[in-house]
N, C-alpha and C. Protein backbone atom coordinates (compact mmCIF):
# COMPACT_ATOMS: atom_id res chain seq x y z
N GLU A 1 -15.34 -7.74 -7.90
CA GLU A 1 -15.79 -8.80 -7.01
C GLU A 1 -15.66 -8.43 -5.54
N ILE A 2 -14.80 -7.49 -5.22
CA ILE A 2 -14.60 -7.08 -3.83
C ILE A 2 -15.77 -6.24 -3.33
N ALA A 3 -16.28 -5.36 -4.18
CA ALA A 3 -17.37 -4.47 -3.78
C ALA A 3 -18.63 -5.26 -3.47
N ASP A 4 -19.29 -4.88 -2.40
CA ASP A 4 -20.50 -5.57 -1.98
C ASP A 4 -21.71 -5.20 -2.84
N SER A 5 -21.63 -4.12 -3.61
CA SER A 5 -22.75 -3.70 -4.45
C SER A 5 -22.22 -2.78 -5.56
N ASN A 6 -23.05 -2.55 -6.56
CA ASN A 6 -22.67 -1.61 -7.62
C ASN A 6 -22.51 -0.20 -7.06
N SER A 7 -23.30 0.15 -6.07
CA SER A 7 -23.20 1.46 -5.45
C SER A 7 -21.84 1.65 -4.80
N ILE A 8 -21.38 0.64 -4.08
CA ILE A 8 -20.05 0.72 -3.44
C ILE A 8 -18.97 0.79 -4.51
N LEU A 9 -19.09 0.00 -5.55
CA LEU A 9 -18.13 0.04 -6.64
C LEU A 9 -18.05 1.44 -7.24
N ASN A 10 -19.20 2.02 -7.56
CA ASN A 10 -19.22 3.36 -8.17
C ASN A 10 -18.69 4.42 -7.21
N ASN A 11 -19.04 4.32 -5.94
CA ASN A 11 -18.53 5.29 -4.96
C ASN A 11 -17.01 5.16 -4.78
N GLY A 12 -16.51 3.94 -4.79
CA GLY A 12 -15.07 3.73 -4.68
C GLY A 12 -14.32 4.31 -5.86
N ILE A 13 -14.84 4.11 -7.06
CA ILE A 13 -14.21 4.68 -8.25
C ILE A 13 -14.29 6.21 -8.21
N ARG A 14 -15.41 6.73 -7.74
CA ARG A 14 -15.56 8.19 -7.60
C ARG A 14 -14.54 8.72 -6.59
N TYR A 15 -14.35 8.04 -5.48
CA TYR A 15 -13.35 8.45 -4.49
C TYR A 15 -11.96 8.50 -5.13
N PHE A 16 -11.64 7.51 -5.94
CA PHE A 16 -10.35 7.51 -6.63
C PHE A 16 -10.23 8.75 -7.52
N HIS A 17 -11.23 9.00 -8.35
CA HIS A 17 -11.19 10.14 -9.27
C HIS A 17 -11.16 11.48 -8.55
N GLU A 18 -11.73 11.54 -7.36
CA GLU A 18 -11.70 12.77 -6.57
C GLU A 18 -10.37 12.96 -5.83
N GLY A 19 -9.46 12.00 -5.97
CA GLY A 19 -8.14 12.12 -5.34
C GLY A 19 -8.15 11.84 -3.85
N ARG A 20 -9.06 11.01 -3.39
CA ARG A 20 -9.18 10.75 -1.96
C ARG A 20 -8.18 9.72 -1.44
N VAL A 21 -7.48 9.00 -2.33
CA VAL A 21 -6.42 8.09 -1.90
C VAL A 21 -5.21 8.97 -1.60
N LYS A 22 -4.92 9.16 -0.32
CA LYS A 22 -3.91 10.13 0.11
C LYS A 22 -2.53 9.54 0.26
N LYS A 23 -2.46 8.32 0.67
CA LYS A 23 -1.16 7.64 0.79
C LYS A 23 -1.34 6.27 0.17
N PHE A 24 -0.29 5.79 -0.46
CA PHE A 24 -0.38 4.50 -1.14
C PHE A 24 1.01 3.90 -1.19
N GLN A 25 1.13 2.67 -0.69
CA GLN A 25 2.42 1.99 -0.71
C GLN A 25 2.19 0.50 -0.88
N ILE A 26 2.99 -0.09 -1.74
CA ILE A 26 2.99 -1.55 -1.89
C ILE A 26 4.27 -2.07 -1.28
N LYS A 27 4.12 -3.03 -0.38
CA LYS A 27 5.29 -3.63 0.27
C LYS A 27 5.03 -5.11 0.41
N ASP A 28 5.94 -5.90 -0.12
CA ASP A 28 5.78 -7.35 -0.13
C ASP A 28 4.46 -7.70 -0.81
N ASN A 29 3.59 -8.40 -0.16
CA ASN A 29 2.30 -8.79 -0.75
C ASN A 29 1.15 -7.99 -0.15
N SER A 30 1.43 -6.75 0.23
CA SER A 30 0.41 -5.94 0.87
C SER A 30 0.38 -4.53 0.28
N ILE A 31 -0.80 -3.94 0.33
CA ILE A 31 -0.99 -2.54 -0.05
C ILE A 31 -1.40 -1.81 1.22
N PHE A 32 -0.73 -0.69 1.49
CA PHE A 32 -1.05 0.16 2.63
C PHE A 32 -1.49 1.51 2.08
N ALA A 33 -2.61 2.01 2.57
CA ALA A 33 -3.12 3.28 2.04
C ALA A 33 -3.94 4.01 3.09
N LYS A 34 -4.16 5.29 2.82
CA LYS A 34 -5.08 6.12 3.59
C LYS A 34 -6.04 6.75 2.60
N VAL A 35 -7.32 6.75 2.96
CA VAL A 35 -8.34 7.31 2.08
C VAL A 35 -9.17 8.31 2.88
N LYS A 36 -9.38 9.48 2.28
CA LYS A 36 -10.16 10.52 2.93
C LYS A 36 -11.64 10.31 2.65
N GLY A 37 -12.37 10.05 3.69
CA GLY A 37 -13.83 9.97 3.63
C GLY A 37 -14.34 10.96 4.64
N ARG A 38 -15.28 10.55 5.46
CA ARG A 38 -15.72 11.40 6.57
C ARG A 38 -14.54 11.63 7.51
N HIS A 39 -13.67 10.61 7.61
CA HIS A 39 -12.42 10.67 8.37
C HIS A 39 -11.32 10.16 7.45
N LEU A 40 -10.09 10.14 7.93
CA LEU A 40 -8.99 9.54 7.18
C LEU A 40 -8.90 8.08 7.61
N TYR A 41 -9.22 7.17 6.69
CA TYR A 41 -9.28 5.75 7.01
C TYR A 41 -8.01 5.03 6.58
N ASN A 42 -7.60 4.07 7.39
CA ASN A 42 -6.43 3.24 7.10
C ASN A 42 -6.89 1.97 6.40
N ILE A 43 -6.22 1.65 5.32
CA ILE A 43 -6.55 0.45 4.55
C ILE A 43 -5.30 -0.41 4.43
N VAL A 44 -5.47 -1.70 4.68
CA VAL A 44 -4.42 -2.69 4.42
C VAL A 44 -5.07 -3.78 3.59
N ILE A 45 -4.45 -4.08 2.47
CA ILE A 45 -4.96 -5.14 1.60
C ILE A 45 -3.83 -6.15 1.41
N ARG A 46 -4.06 -7.33 1.90
CA ARG A 46 -3.07 -8.41 1.75
C ARG A 46 -3.48 -9.28 0.57
N ILE A 47 -2.49 -9.66 -0.21
CA ILE A 47 -2.75 -10.49 -1.38
C ILE A 47 -1.96 -11.78 -1.20
N ASN A 48 -2.67 -12.91 -1.22
CA ASN A 48 -2.04 -14.21 -1.01
C ASN A 48 -2.62 -15.19 -2.01
N LYS A 49 -1.77 -15.69 -2.89
CA LYS A 49 -2.19 -16.66 -3.91
C LYS A 49 -3.42 -16.18 -4.68
N GLU A 50 -3.35 -14.95 -5.14
CA GLU A 50 -4.40 -14.32 -5.95
C GLU A 50 -5.70 -14.10 -5.19
N LYS A 51 -5.70 -14.26 -3.88
CA LYS A 51 -6.85 -13.92 -3.06
C LYS A 51 -6.57 -12.60 -2.37
N ILE A 52 -7.61 -11.79 -2.20
CA ILE A 52 -7.46 -10.47 -1.61
C ILE A 52 -8.14 -10.46 -0.25
N PHE A 53 -7.41 -9.95 0.75
CA PHE A 53 -7.92 -9.86 2.11
C PHE A 53 -7.86 -8.39 2.54
N PRO A 54 -8.97 -7.65 2.34
CA PRO A 54 -8.97 -6.22 2.66
C PRO A 54 -9.35 -5.93 4.11
N MET A 55 -8.74 -4.90 4.66
CA MET A 55 -9.10 -4.39 5.98
C MET A 55 -9.17 -2.87 5.90
N CYS A 56 -10.23 -2.31 6.46
CA CYS A 56 -10.40 -0.86 6.47
C CYS A 56 -10.85 -0.44 7.86
N SER A 57 -10.40 0.72 8.30
CA SER A 57 -10.76 1.20 9.63
C SER A 57 -12.13 1.89 9.68
N CYS A 58 -12.83 1.95 8.56
CA CYS A 58 -14.17 2.57 8.55
C CYS A 58 -15.17 1.64 9.24
N PRO A 59 -16.33 2.16 9.60
CA PRO A 59 -17.32 1.34 10.30
C PRO A 59 -18.17 0.42 9.41
N TYR A 60 -17.91 0.41 8.10
CA TYR A 60 -18.72 -0.42 7.20
C TYR A 60 -18.60 -1.89 7.61
N PRO A 61 -19.73 -2.58 7.79
CA PRO A 61 -19.69 -3.96 8.29
C PRO A 61 -19.43 -5.02 7.23
N GLY A 62 -19.42 -4.66 5.97
CA GLY A 62 -19.27 -5.65 4.91
C GLY A 62 -17.82 -5.96 4.59
N PHE A 63 -17.62 -6.69 3.52
CA PHE A 63 -16.30 -7.16 3.10
C PHE A 63 -15.53 -6.09 2.34
N GLY A 64 -16.14 -5.51 1.32
CA GLY A 64 -15.45 -4.57 0.46
C GLY A 64 -16.10 -3.20 0.46
N CYS A 65 -15.56 -2.28 1.22
CA CYS A 65 -16.12 -0.93 1.29
C CYS A 65 -15.59 -0.06 0.14
N LYS A 66 -16.15 1.14 0.02
CA LYS A 66 -15.74 2.05 -1.05
C LYS A 66 -14.29 2.50 -0.89
N HIS A 67 -13.76 2.51 0.33
CA HIS A 67 -12.37 2.90 0.55
C HIS A 67 -11.42 1.84 -0.03
N VAL A 68 -11.75 0.58 0.22
CA VAL A 68 -10.95 -0.52 -0.34
C VAL A 68 -11.02 -0.49 -1.86
N VAL A 69 -12.21 -0.29 -2.41
CA VAL A 69 -12.37 -0.22 -3.87
C VAL A 69 -11.53 0.91 -4.44
N SER A 70 -11.51 2.07 -3.80
CA SER A 70 -10.73 3.20 -4.32
C SER A 70 -9.23 2.88 -4.33
N VAL A 71 -8.75 2.17 -3.32
CA VAL A 71 -7.34 1.79 -3.26
C VAL A 71 -7.02 0.76 -4.33
N LEU A 72 -7.88 -0.24 -4.51
CA LEU A 72 -7.63 -1.24 -5.55
C LEU A 72 -7.69 -0.62 -6.94
N TYR A 73 -8.59 0.32 -7.15
CA TYR A 73 -8.66 1.01 -8.43
C TYR A 73 -7.40 1.84 -8.64
N HIS A 74 -6.92 2.48 -7.60
CA HIS A 74 -5.67 3.24 -7.67
C HIS A 74 -4.51 2.31 -8.07
N ALA A 75 -4.46 1.13 -7.46
CA ALA A 75 -3.42 0.16 -7.79
C ALA A 75 -3.52 -0.29 -9.24
N LEU A 76 -4.73 -0.50 -9.72
CA LEU A 76 -4.94 -0.94 -11.10
C LEU A 76 -4.53 0.14 -12.09
N VAL A 77 -4.95 1.36 -11.84
CA VAL A 77 -4.65 2.46 -12.76
C VAL A 77 -3.16 2.81 -12.76
N ASN A 78 -2.51 2.66 -11.61
CA ASN A 78 -1.12 3.05 -11.48
C ASN A 78 -0.18 1.85 -11.40
N LYS A 79 -0.57 0.72 -11.96
CA LYS A 79 0.24 -0.51 -11.82
C LYS A 79 1.65 -0.36 -12.39
N ASP A 80 1.83 0.46 -13.41
CA ASP A 80 3.15 0.65 -13.97
C ASP A 80 4.06 1.42 -13.03
N LEU A 81 3.51 2.28 -12.18
CA LEU A 81 4.29 3.05 -11.23
C LEU A 81 4.73 2.20 -10.04
N ALA A 82 3.96 1.15 -9.74
CA ALA A 82 4.24 0.31 -8.58
C ALA A 82 5.34 -0.70 -8.85
N ALA A 83 5.63 -0.97 -10.10
CA ALA A 83 6.61 -2.00 -10.44
C ALA A 83 8.03 -1.56 -10.16
């Protein structure tokens, strides 16, 4: 639901599989990460009452970019490590 299109969803999952999520930390109700794209982008995802508020330093003008998707996919796949 975060991805603005199927293309962004697929690119975000591809970024995850390519190992582009370089830093990943969960603290309180937030996820902090860095994702390698054309540049190294900073991602902060705040979670409040099951709502997700993503922020990415990339120039994408939409709500859910491929960098945010890659971080959320990383969190989903590695949820047992985050606990």
